[in-house]
All heavy atoms as atom14 arrays in JSON, in Angstrom:
{
  "sequence": "FRVADETYGIDIMELKEIIKPRETTEVPHAPPFVAGVLSLRGIIIPV",
  "atom14_mask": [
    [1, 1, 1, 1, 1, 1, 1, 1, 1, 1, 1, 0, 0, 0],
    [1, 1, 1, 1, 1, 1, 1, 1, 1, 1, 1, 0, 0, 0],
    [1, 1, 1, 1, 1, 1, 1, 0, 0, 0, 0, 0, 0, 0],
    [1, 1, 1, 1, 1, 0, 0, 0, 0, 0, 0, 0, 0, 0],
    [1, 1, 1, 1, 1, 1, 1, 1, 0, 0, 0, 0, 0, 0],
    [1, 1, 1, 1, 1, 1, 1, 1, 1, 0, 0, 0, 0, 0],
    [1, 1, 1, 1, 1, 1, 1, 0, 0, 0, 0, 0, 0, 0],
    [1, 1, 1, 1, 1, 1, 1, 1, 1, 1, 1, 1, 0, 0],
    [1, 1, 1, 1, 0, 0, 0, 0, 0, 0, 0, 0, 0, 0],
    [1, 1, 1, 1, 1, 1, 1, 1, 0, 0, 0, 0, 0, 0],
    [1, 1, 1, 1, 1, 1, 1, 1, 0, 0, 0, 0, 0, 0],
    [1, 1, 1, 1, 1, 1, 1, 1, 0, 0, 0, 0, 0, 0],
    [1, 1, 1, 1, 1, 1, 1, 1, 0, 0, 0, 0, 0, 0],
    [1, 1, 1, 1, 1, 1, 1, 1, 1, 0, 0, 0, 0, 0],
    [1, 1, 1, 1, 1, 1, 1, 1, 0, 0, 0, 0, 0, 0],
    [1, 1, 1, 1, 1, 1, 1, 1, 1, 0, 0, 0, 0, 0],
    [1, 1, 1, 1, 1, 1, 1, 1, 1, 0, 0, 0, 0, 0],
    [1, 1, 1, 1, 1, 1, 1, 1, 0, 0, 0, 0, 0, 0],
    [1, 1, 1, 1, 1, 1, 1, 1, 0, 0, 0, 0, 0, 0],
    [1, 1, 1, 1, 1, 1, 1, 1, 1, 0, 0, 0, 0, 0],
    [1, 1, 1, 1, 1, 1, 1, 0, 0, 0, 0, 0, 0, 0],
    [1, 1, 1, 1, 1, 1, 1, 1, 1, 1, 1, 0, 0, 0],
    [1, 1, 1, 1, 1, 1, 1, 1, 1, 0, 0, 0, 0, 0],
    [1, 1, 1, 1, 1, 1, 1, 0, 0, 0, 0, 0, 0, 0],
    [1, 1, 1, 1, 1, 1, 1, 0, 0, 0, 0, 0, 0, 0],
    [1, 1, 1, 1, 1, 1, 1, 1, 1, 0, 0, 0, 0, 0],
    [1, 1, 1, 1, 1, 1, 1, 0, 0, 0, 0, 0, 0, 0],
    [1, 1, 1, 1, 1, 1, 1, 0, 0, 0, 0, 0, 0, 0],
    [1, 1, 1, 1, 1, 1, 1, 1, 1, 1, 0, 0, 0, 0],
    [1, 1, 1, 1, 1, 0, 0, 0, 0, 0, 0, 0, 0, 0],
    [1, 1, 1, 1, 1, 1, 1, 0, 0, 0, 0, 0, 0, 0],
    [1, 1, 1, 1, 1, 1, 1, 0, 0, 0, 0, 0, 0, 0],
    [1, 1, 1, 1, 1, 1, 1, 1, 1, 1, 1, 0, 0, 0],
    [1, 1, 1, 1, 1, 1, 1, 0, 0, 0, 0, 0, 0, 0],
    [1, 1, 1, 1, 1, 0, 0, 0, 0, 0, 0, 0, 0, 0],
    [1, 1, 1, 1, 0, 0, 0, 0, 0, 0, 0, 0, 0, 0],
    [1, 1, 1, 1, 1, 1, 1, 0, 0, 0, 0, 0, 0, 0],
    [1, 1, 1, 1, 1, 1, 1, 1, 0, 0, 0, 0, 0, 0],
    [1, 1, 1, 1, 1, 1, 0, 0, 0, 0, 0, 0, 0, 0],
    [1, 1, 1, 1, 1, 1, 1, 1, 0, 0, 0, 0, 0, 0],
    [1, 1, 1, 1, 1, 1, 1, 1, 1, 1, 1, 0, 0, 0],
    [1, 1, 1, 1, 0, 0, 0, 0, 0, 0, 0, 0, 0, 0],
    [1, 1, 1, 1, 1, 1, 1, 1, 0, 0, 0, 0, 0, 0],
    [1, 1, 1, 1, 1, 1, 1, 1, 0, 0, 0, 0, 0, 0],
    [1, 1, 1, 1, 1, 1, 1, 1, 0, 0, 0, 0, 0, 0],
    [1, 1, 1, 1, 1, 1, 1, 0, 0, 0, 0, 0, 0, 0],
    [1, 1, 1, 1, 1, 1, 1, 0, 0, 0, 0, 0, 0, 0]
  ],
  "atom14_positions": [
    [[8.22, 9.69, -5.36], [6.91, 10.03, -4.8], [7.12, 10.91, -3.57], [8.19, 10.94, -2.97], [6.11, 8.76, -4.46], [6.89, 7.71, -3.72], [7.07, 7.8, -2.34], [7.44, 6.65, -4.39], [7.78, 6.84, -1.65], [8.17, 5.68, -3.71], [8.34, 5.77, -2.33], [0.0, 0.0, 0.0], [0.0, 0.0, 0.0], [0.0, 0.0, 0.0]],
    [[6.06, 11.61, -3.23], [6.12, 12.54, -2.1], [5.39, 11.95, -0.91], [4.29, 11.42, -1.05], [5.51, 13.88, -2.5], [5.62, 14.96, -1.43], [5.01, 16.26, -1.93], [3.6, 16.06, -2.3], [2.59, 16.06, -1.4], [2.84, 16.21, -0.1], [1.36, 15.9, -1.82], [0.0, 0.0, 0.0], [0.0, 0.0, 0.0], [0.0, 0.0, 0.0]],
    [[6.0, 12.08, 0.23], [5.39, 11.71, 1.51], [5.64, 12.88, 2.46], [6.8, 13.22, 2.72], [5.98, 10.41, 2.1], [5.3, 10.07, 3.43], [5.83, 9.25, 1.11], [0.0, 0.0, 0.0], [0.0, 0.0, 0.0], [0.0, 0.0, 0.0], [0.0, 0.0, 0.0], [0.0, 0.0, 0.0], [0.0, 0.0, 0.0], [0.0, 0.0, 0.0]],
    [[4.52, 13.48, 2.92], [4.63, 14.73, 3.68], [5.34, 15.76, 2.8], [4.89, 16.01, 1.68], [5.33, 14.51, 5.0], [0.0, 0.0, 0.0], [0.0, 0.0, 0.0], [0.0, 0.0, 0.0], [0.0, 0.0, 0.0], [0.0, 0.0, 0.0], [0.0, 0.0, 0.0], [0.0, 0.0, 0.0], [0.0, 0.0, 0.0], [0.0, 0.0, 0.0]],
    [[6.44, 16.31, 3.26], [7.15, 17.31, 2.46], [8.46, 16.79, 1.89], [9.29, 17.57, 1.41], [7.43, 18.56, 3.32], [6.15, 19.27, 3.73], [5.18, 19.22, 2.94], [6.12, 19.84, 4.83], [0.0, 0.0, 0.0], [0.0, 0.0, 0.0], [0.0, 0.0, 0.0], [0.0, 0.0, 0.0], [0.0, 0.0, 0.0], [0.0, 0.0, 0.0]],
    [[8.65, 15.49, 1.92], [9.9, 14.9, 1.45], [9.68, 14.07, 0.19], [8.57, 13.56, -0.05], [10.52, 14.01, 2.54], [10.79, 14.72, 3.86], [11.85, 15.8, 3.75], [12.66, 15.76, 2.8], [11.88, 16.7, 4.62], [0.0, 0.0, 0.0], [0.0, 0.0, 0.0], [0.0, 0.0, 0.0], [0.0, 0.0, 0.0], [0.0, 0.0, 0.0]],
    [[10.76, 13.97, -0.61], [10.73, 13.16, -1.82], [11.48, 11.86, -1.58], [12.65, 11.87, -1.18], [11.35, 13.91, -3.01], [10.62, 15.11, -3.25], [11.31, 13.06, -4.27], [0.0, 0.0, 0.0], [0.0, 0.0, 0.0], [0.0, 0.0, 0.0], [0.0, 0.0, 0.0], [0.0, 0.0, 0.0], [0.0, 0.0, 0.0], [0.0, 0.0, 0.0]],
    [[10.78, 10.78, -1.82], [11.38, 9.45, -1.65], [11.4, 8.74, -3.0], [10.7, 9.13, -3.94], [10.59, 8.64, -0.62], [10.68, 9.18, 0.79], [9.83, 10.2, 1.22], [11.63, 8.69, 1.69], [9.91, 10.7, 2.51], [11.72, 9.18, 2.98], [10.87, 10.19, 3.37], [10.96, 10.7, 4.65], [0.0, 0.0, 0.0], [0.0, 0.0, 0.0]],
    [[12.17, 7.67, -3.05], [12.27, 6.92, -4.3], [12.57, 5.46, -4.05], [13.14, 5.09, -3.02], [0.0, 0.0, 0.0], [0.0, 0.0, 0.0], [0.0, 0.0, 0.0], [0.0, 0.0, 0.0], [0.0, 0.0, 0.0], [0.0, 0.0, 0.0], [0.0, 0.0, 0.0], [0.0, 0.0, 0.0], [0.0, 0.0, 0.0], [0.0, 0.0, 0.0]],
    [[12.16, 4.63, -5.0], [12.48, 3.2, -4.99], [12.97, 2.81, -6.38], [12.68, 3.49, -7.38], [11.26, 2.33, -4.59], [10.11, 2.53, -5.6], [10.81, 2.63, -3.17], [8.94, 1.57, -5.4], [0.0, 0.0, 0.0], [0.0, 0.0, 0.0], [0.0, 0.0, 0.0], [0.0, 0.0, 0.0], [0.0, 0.0, 0.0], [0.0, 0.0, 0.0]],
    [[13.7, 1.72, -6.43], [14.17, 1.19, -7.72], [12.95, 0.81, -8.56], [12.04, 0.12, -8.09], [15.05, -0.03, -7.47], [15.73, -0.53, -8.75], [15.31, -0.13, -9.85], [16.68, -1.33, -8.62], [0.0, 0.0, 0.0], [0.0, 0.0, 0.0], [0.0, 0.0, 0.0], [0.0, 0.0, 0.0], [0.0, 0.0, 0.0], [0.0, 0.0, 0.0]],
    [[12.92, 1.27, -9.81], [11.78, 1.01, -10.69], [11.56, -0.49, -10.9], [10.44, -0.93, -11.18], [11.97, 1.73, -12.04], [10.66, 1.81, -12.82], [13.06, 1.05, -12.85], [9.66, 2.73, -12.23], [0.0, 0.0, 0.0], [0.0, 0.0, 0.0], [0.0, 0.0, 0.0], [0.0, 0.0, 0.0], [0.0, 0.0, 0.0], [0.0, 0.0, 0.0]],
    [[12.61, -1.29, -10.74], [12.48, -2.72, -10.93], [11.67, -3.38, -9.82], [11.21, -4.51, -9.97], [13.88, -3.37, -11.0], [14.73, -2.87, -12.15], [13.92, -3.09, -13.76], [13.85, -4.87, -13.84], [0.0, 0.0, 0.0], [0.0, 0.0, 0.0], [0.0, 0.0, 0.0], [0.0, 0.0, 0.0], [0.0, 0.0, 0.0], [0.0, 0.0, 0.0]],
    [[11.5, -2.69, -8.7], [10.7, -3.23, -7.59], [9.22, -2.87, -7.72], [8.39, -3.37, -6.96], [11.24, -2.71, -6.26], [12.66, -3.16, -5.98], [13.21, -2.56, -4.7], [13.19, -1.31, -4.58], [13.65, -3.33, -3.83], [0.0, 0.0, 0.0], [0.0, 0.0, 0.0], [0.0, 0.0, 0.0], [0.0, 0.0, 0.0], [0.0, 0.0, 0.0]],
    [[8.89, -2.04, -8.7], [7.52, -1.58, -8.89], [6.7, -2.59, -9.67], [7.16, -3.13, -10.68], [7.5, -0.24, -9.62], [6.13, 0.32, -10.01], [5.32, 0.68, -8.76], [6.28, 1.51, -10.93], [0.0, 0.0, 0.0], [0.0, 0.0, 0.0], [0.0, 0.0, 0.0], [0.0, 0.0, 0.0], [0.0, 0.0, 0.0], [0.0, 0.0, 0.0]],
    [[5.47, -2.84, -9.19], [4.54, -3.71, -9.91], [3.5, -2.87, -10.65], [3.31, -3.02, -11.84], [3.86, -4.66, -8.92], [2.87, -5.62, -9.57], [3.55, -6.56, -10.55], [2.58, -7.56, -11.13], [3.22, -8.46, -12.11], [0.0, 0.0, 0.0], [0.0, 0.0, 0.0], [0.0, 0.0, 0.0], [0.0, 0.0, 0.0], [0.0, 0.0, 0.0]],
    [[2.83, -1.97, -9.95], [1.87, -1.07, -10.57], [1.49, 0.02, -9.58], [1.88, -0.02, -8.4], [0.62, -1.81, -11.04], [-0.14, -2.54, -9.95], [-1.33, -3.3, -10.49], [-2.25, -2.62, -11.01], [-1.34, -4.54, -10.42], [0.0, 0.0, 0.0], [0.0, 0.0, 0.0], [0.0, 0.0, 0.0], [0.0, 0.0, 0.0], [0.0, 0.0, 0.0]],
    [[0.73, 1.0, -10.08], [0.26, 2.12, -9.24], [-1.26, 2.19, -9.39], [-1.78, 2.23, -10.5], [0.9, 3.45, -9.67], [2.43, 3.36, -9.54], [0.36, 4.6, -8.83], [3.15, 4.55, -10.11], [0.0, 0.0, 0.0], [0.0, 0.0, 0.0], [0.0, 0.0, 0.0], [0.0, 0.0, 0.0], [0.0, 0.0, 0.0], [0.0, 0.0, 0.0]],
    [[-1.96, 2.22, -8.25], [-3.43, 2.25, -8.27], [-3.93, 3.39, -7.37], [-3.19, 3.9, -6.52], [-4.03, 0.91, -7.81], [-3.62, 0.61, -6.37], [-3.61, -0.22, -8.74], [-4.26, -0.64, -5.79], [0.0, 0.0, 0.0], [0.0, 0.0, 0.0], [0.0, 0.0, 0.0], [0.0, 0.0, 0.0], [0.0, 0.0, 0.0], [0.0, 0.0, 0.0]],
    [[-5.16, 3.76, -7.6], [-5.78, 4.77, -6.73], [-6.18, 4.14, -5.4], [-6.42, 2.92, -5.33], [-7.0, 5.36, -7.42], [-6.67, 6.22, -8.63], [-7.95, 6.83, -9.21], [-7.62, 7.74, -10.39], [-8.84, 8.38, -10.96], [0.0, 0.0, 0.0], [0.0, 0.0, 0.0], [0.0, 0.0, 0.0], [0.0, 0.0, 0.0], [0.0, 0.0, 0.0]],
    [[-6.24, 4.95, -4.34], [-6.64, 4.4, -3.04], [-8.03, 3.79, -3.11], [-8.91, 4.27, -3.84], [-6.61, 5.62, -2.11], [-5.68, 6.58, -2.79], [-5.88, 6.38, -4.24], [0.0, 0.0, 0.0], [0.0, 0.0, 0.0], [0.0, 0.0, 0.0], [0.0, 0.0, 0.0], [0.0, 0.0, 0.0], [0.0, 0.0, 0.0], [0.0, 0.0, 0.0]],
    [[-8.23, 2.73, -2.39], [-9.53, 2.06, -2.31], [-9.74, 1.57, -0.89], [-8.82, 1.57, -0.07], [-9.6, 0.92, -3.31], [-8.55, -0.16, -3.09], [-8.58, -1.23, -4.18], [-8.18, -0.68, -5.48], [-8.11, -1.41, -6.58], [-8.43, -2.71, -6.54], [-7.72, -0.87, -7.72], [0.0, 0.0, 0.0], [0.0, 0.0, 0.0], [0.0, 0.0, 0.0]],
    [[-10.95, 1.15, -0.63], [-11.28, 0.71, 0.72], [-10.51, -0.55, 1.08], [-10.37, -1.46, 0.27], [-12.79, 0.44, 0.81], [-13.25, 0.09, 2.21], [-14.76, -0.11, 2.28], [-15.43, 0.1, 1.24], [-15.25, -0.5, 3.35], [0.0, 0.0, 0.0], [0.0, 0.0, 0.0], [0.0, 0.0, 0.0], [0.0, 0.0, 0.0], [0.0, 0.0, 0.0]],
    [[-10.03, -0.56, 2.3], [-9.27, -1.71, 2.78], [-10.01, -2.37, 3.95], [-10.86, -1.76, 4.59], [-7.87, -1.29, 3.26], [-8.0, -0.33, 4.32], [-7.06, -0.7, 2.12], [0.0, 0.0, 0.0], [0.0, 0.0, 0.0], [0.0, 0.0, 0.0], [0.0, 0.0, 0.0], [0.0, 0.0, 0.0], [0.0, 0.0, 0.0], [0.0, 0.0, 0.0]],
    [[-9.66, -3.6, 4.2], [-10.24, -4.34, 5.32], [-9.22, -4.36, 6.45], [-8.06, -4.77, 6.25], [-10.56, -5.79, 4.89], [-11.47, -5.76, 3.79], [-11.16, -6.57, 6.05], [0.0, 0.0, 0.0], [0.0, 0.0, 0.0], [0.0, 0.0, 0.0], [0.0, 0.0, 0.0], [0.0, 0.0, 0.0], [0.0, 0.0, 0.0], [0.0, 0.0, 0.0]],
    [[-9.63, -3.9, 7.61], [-8.72, -3.83, 8.75], [-8.34, -5.23, 9.22], [-9.14, -6.17, 9.16], [-9.34, -3.04, 9.9], [-9.54, -1.57, 9.58], [-10.07, -0.8, 10.78], [-10.18, -1.42, 11.88], [-10.36, 0.4, 10.64], [0.0, 0.0, 0.0], [0.0, 0.0, 0.0], [0.0, 0.0, 0.0], [0.0, 0.0, 0.0], [0.0, 0.0, 0.0]],
    [[-7.11, -5.32, 9.72], [-6.6, -6.57, 10.25], [-6.45, -6.42, 11.76], [-5.79, -5.47, 12.23], [-5.25, -6.93, 9.62], [-4.69, -8.23, 10.22], [-5.39, -7.06, 8.11], [0.0, 0.0, 0.0], [0.0, 0.0, 0.0], [0.0, 0.0, 0.0], [0.0, 0.0, 0.0], [0.0, 0.0, 0.0], [0.0, 0.0, 0.0], [0.0, 0.0, 0.0]],
    [[-7.07, -7.31, 12.55], [-6.97, -7.19, 14.02], [-5.52, -7.23, 14.5], [-4.7, -7.99, 13.98], [-7.76, -8.39, 14.53], [-8.67, -8.76, 13.41], [-7.91, -8.43, 12.14], [0.0, 0.0, 0.0], [0.0, 0.0, 0.0], [0.0, 0.0, 0.0], [0.0, 0.0, 0.0], [0.0, 0.0, 0.0], [0.0, 0.0, 0.0], [0.0, 0.0, 0.0]],
    [[-5.23, -6.38, 15.46], [-3.91, -6.3, 16.11], [-2.8, -5.96, 15.12], [-1.62, -6.28, 15.36], [-3.57, -7.63, 16.81], [-4.63, -8.1, 17.76], [-4.92, -7.44, 18.94], [-5.49, -9.15, 17.69], [-5.91, -8.06, 19.58], [-6.28, -9.12, 18.83], [0.0, 0.0, 0.0], [0.0, 0.0, 0.0], [0.0, 0.0, 0.0], [0.0, 0.0, 0.0]],
    [[-3.15, -5.33, 14.03], [-2.13, -4.91, 13.06], [-1.44, -3.65, 13.57], [-2.03, -2.84, 14.29], [-2.76, -4.66, 11.7], [0.0, 0.0, 0.0], [0.0, 0.0, 0.0], [0.0, 0.0, 0.0], [0.0, 0.0, 0.0], [0.0, 0.0, 0.0], [0.0, 0.0, 0.0], [0.0, 0.0, 0.0], [0.0, 0.0, 0.0], [0.0, 0.0, 0.0]],
    [[-0.2, -3.42, 13.22], [0.5, -2.2, 13.6], [-0.23, -0.98, 13.05], [-0.96, -1.07, 12.04], [1.87, -2.36, 12.96], [2.04, -3.82, 12.73], [0.67, -4.35, 12.45], [0.0, 0.0, 0.0], [0.0, 0.0, 0.0], [0.0, 0.0, 0.0], [0.0, 0.0, 0.0], [0.0, 0.0, 0.0], [0.0, 0.0, 0.0], [0.0, 0.0, 0.0]],
    [[-0.05, 0.18, 13.65], [-0.78, 1.39, 13.2], [-0.43, 1.82, 11.78], [-1.2, 2.54, 11.14], [-0.37, 2.45, 14.23], [0.88, 1.94, 14.86], [0.78, 0.46, 14.82], [0.0, 0.0, 0.0], [0.0, 0.0, 0.0], [0.0, 0.0, 0.0], [0.0, 0.0, 0.0], [0.0, 0.0, 0.0], [0.0, 0.0, 0.0], [0.0, 0.0, 0.0]],
    [[0.73, 1.43, 11.29], [1.12, 1.83, 9.93], [0.54, 0.91, 8.86], [0.77, 1.13, 7.68], [2.65, 1.91, 9.8], [3.38, 0.65, 10.22], [3.49, -0.44, 9.37], [3.96, 0.58, 11.47], [4.15, -1.58, 9.75], [4.64, -0.57, 11.86], [4.74, -1.66, 11.0], [0.0, 0.0, 0.0], [0.0, 0.0, 0.0], [0.0, 0.0, 0.0]],
    [[-0.22, -0.12, 9.25], [-0.87, -1.01, 8.29], [-2.33, -0.62, 8.19], [-3.09, -0.75, 9.15], [-0.72, -2.5, 8.69], [-1.47, -3.4, 7.71], [0.75, -2.9, 8.76], [0.0, 0.0, 0.0], [0.0, 0.0, 0.0], [0.0, 0.0, 0.0], [0.0, 0.0, 0.0], [0.0, 0.0, 0.0], [0.0, 0.0, 0.0], [0.0, 0.0, 0.0]],
    [[-2.71, -0.09, 7.03], [-4.09, 0.35, 6.83], [-5.06, -0.82, 6.76], [-6.25, -0.67, 7.06], [-4.19, 1.2, 5.57], [0.0, 0.0, 0.0], [0.0, 0.0, 0.0], [0.0, 0.0, 0.0], [0.0, 0.0, 0.0], [0.0, 0.0, 0.0], [0.0, 0.0, 0.0], [0.0, 0.0, 0.0], [0.0, 0.0, 0.0], [0.0, 0.0, 0.0]],
    [[-4.59, -1.96, 6.35], [-5.42, -3.15, 6.2], [-4.99, -3.92, 4.96], [-3.84, -3.79, 4.48], [0.0, 0.0, 0.0], [0.0, 0.0, 0.0], [0.0, 0.0, 0.0], [0.0, 0.0, 0.0], [0.0, 0.0, 0.0], [0.0, 0.0, 0.0], [0.0, 0.0, 0.0], [0.0, 0.0, 0.0], [0.0, 0.0, 0.0], [0.0, 0.0, 0.0]],
    [[-5.91, -4.7, 4.44], [-5.61, -5.49, 3.25], [-6.67, -5.2, 2.2], [-7.79, -4.77, 2.51], [-5.55, -7.0, 3.56], [-4.41, -7.31, 4.52], [-6.87, -7.49, 4.12], [0.0, 0.0, 0.0], [0.0, 0.0, 0.0], [0.0, 0.0, 0.0], [0.0, 0.0, 0.0], [0.0, 0.0, 0.0], [0.0, 0.0, 0.0], [0.0, 0.0, 0.0]],
    [[-6.31, -5.42, 0.95], [-7.27, -5.28, -0.14], [-7.02, -6.39, -1.15], [-5.97, -7.03, -1.16], [-7.17, -3.89, -0.79], [-5.83, -3.44, -1.39], [-5.6, -4.02, -2.78], [-5.77, -1.92, -1.45], [0.0, 0.0, 0.0], [0.0, 0.0, 0.0], [0.0, 0.0, 0.0], [0.0, 0.0, 0.0], [0.0, 0.0, 0.0], [0.0, 0.0, 0.0]],
    [[-8.01, -6.6, -2.02], [-7.91, -7.62, -3.05], [-7.59, -6.95, -4.38], [-8.34, -6.09, -4.85], [-9.24, -8.4, -3.15], [-9.16, -9.35, -4.2], [0.0, 0.0, 0.0], [0.0, 0.0, 0.0], [0.0, 0.0, 0.0], [0.0, 0.0, 0.0], [0.0, 0.0, 0.0], [0.0, 0.0, 0.0], [0.0, 0.0, 0.0], [0.0, 0.0, 0.0]],
    [[-6.48, -7.37, -4.96], [-6.04, -6.84, -6.25], [-6.08, -7.98, -7.26], [-5.18, -8.82, -7.27], [-4.64, -6.24, -6.14], [-4.06, -5.63, -7.42], [-4.89, -4.44, -7.87], [-2.6, -5.22, -7.21], [0.0, 0.0, 0.0], [0.0, 0.0, 0.0], [0.0, 0.0, 0.0], [0.0, 0.0, 0.0], [0.0, 0.0, 0.0], [0.0, 0.0, 0.0]],
    [[-7.15, -8.01, -8.04], [-7.35, -9.08, -9.03], [-7.22, -10.47, -8.39], [-6.55, -11.36, -8.89], [-6.38, -8.93, -10.21], [-6.69, -7.72, -11.08], [-5.79, -7.7, -12.3], [-4.41, -7.46, -11.93], [-3.88, -6.27, -11.69], [-4.65, -5.18, -11.79], [-2.62, -6.12, -11.36], [0.0, 0.0, 0.0], [0.0, 0.0, 0.0], [0.0, 0.0, 0.0]],
    [[-7.86, -10.58, -7.23], [-7.9, -11.86, -6.54], [-6.73, -12.11, -5.62], [-6.7, -13.13, -4.92], [0.0, 0.0, 0.0], [0.0, 0.0, 0.0], [0.0, 0.0, 0.0], [0.0, 0.0, 0.0], [0.0, 0.0, 0.0], [0.0, 0.0, 0.0], [0.0, 0.0, 0.0], [0.0, 0.0, 0.0], [0.0, 0.0, 0.0], [0.0, 0.0, 0.0]],
    [[-5.77, -11.2, -5.58], [-4.59, -11.36, -4.71], [-4.75, -10.43, -3.5], [-4.97, -9.23, -3.66], [-3.29, -11.03, -5.45], [-3.14, -11.95, -6.67], [-2.09, -11.17, -4.54], [-1.94, -11.64, -7.53], [0.0, 0.0, 0.0], [0.0, 0.0, 0.0], [0.0, 0.0, 0.0], [0.0, 0.0, 0.0], [0.0, 0.0, 0.0], [0.0, 0.0, 0.0]],
    [[-4.65, -10.97, -2.3], [-4.76, -10.17, -1.09], [-3.4, -9.57, -0.77], [-2.41, -10.29, -0.64], [-5.25, -11.03, 0.09], [-6.59, -11.69, -0.24], [-5.36, -10.2, 1.35], [-7.7, -10.71, -0.53], [0.0, 0.0, 0.0], [0.0, 0.0, 0.0], [0.0, 0.0, 0.0], [0.0, 0.0, 0.0], [0.0, 0.0, 0.0], [0.0, 0.0, 0.0]],
    [[-3.36, -8.24, -0.65], [-2.1, -7.57, -0.34], [-2.31, -6.63, 0.84], [-3.36, -5.99, 0.97], [-1.57, -6.79, -1.56], [-2.51, -5.65, -1.93], [-1.35, -7.71, -2.74], [-1.96, -4.73, -3.01], [0.0, 0.0, 0.0], [0.0, 0.0, 0.0], [0.0, 0.0, 0.0], [0.0, 0.0, 0.0], [0.0, 0.0, 0.0], [0.0, 0.0, 0.0]],
    [[-1.33, -6.51, 1.73], [-1.4, -5.52, 2.81], [-1.04, -4.13, 2.3], [-0.25, -4.0, 1.35], [-0.39, -6.04, 3.82], [0.62, -6.76, 2.99], [-0.13, -7.36, 1.83], [0.0, 0.0, 0.0], [0.0, 0.0, 0.0], [0.0, 0.0, 0.0], [0.0, 0.0, 0.0], [0.0, 0.0, 0.0], [0.0, 0.0, 0.0], [0.0, 0.0, 0.0]],
    [[-1.59, -3.12, 2.91], [-1.3, -1.74, 2.52], [-0.65, -1.02, 3.7], [-1.23, -0.95, 4.79], [-2.59, -0.99, 2.09], [-2.26, 0.45, 1.73], [-3.23, -1.7, 0.89], [0.0, 0.0, 0.0], [0.0, 0.0, 0.0], [0.0, 0.0, 0.0], [0.0, 0.0, 0.0], [0.0, 0.0, 0.0], [0.0, 0.0, 0.0], [0.0, 0.0, 0.0]]
  ]
}
């Protein structure tokens, strides 16, 4: 996948799925690199 102008990669075995961006819920006092959390089929995951 591309981030900025660089190509990065992860082991395919660590991949669960790929989804389109959706609205997230902000988490108070979260680091700036955490967009928030979202619900994926009832499971809350940080983004």
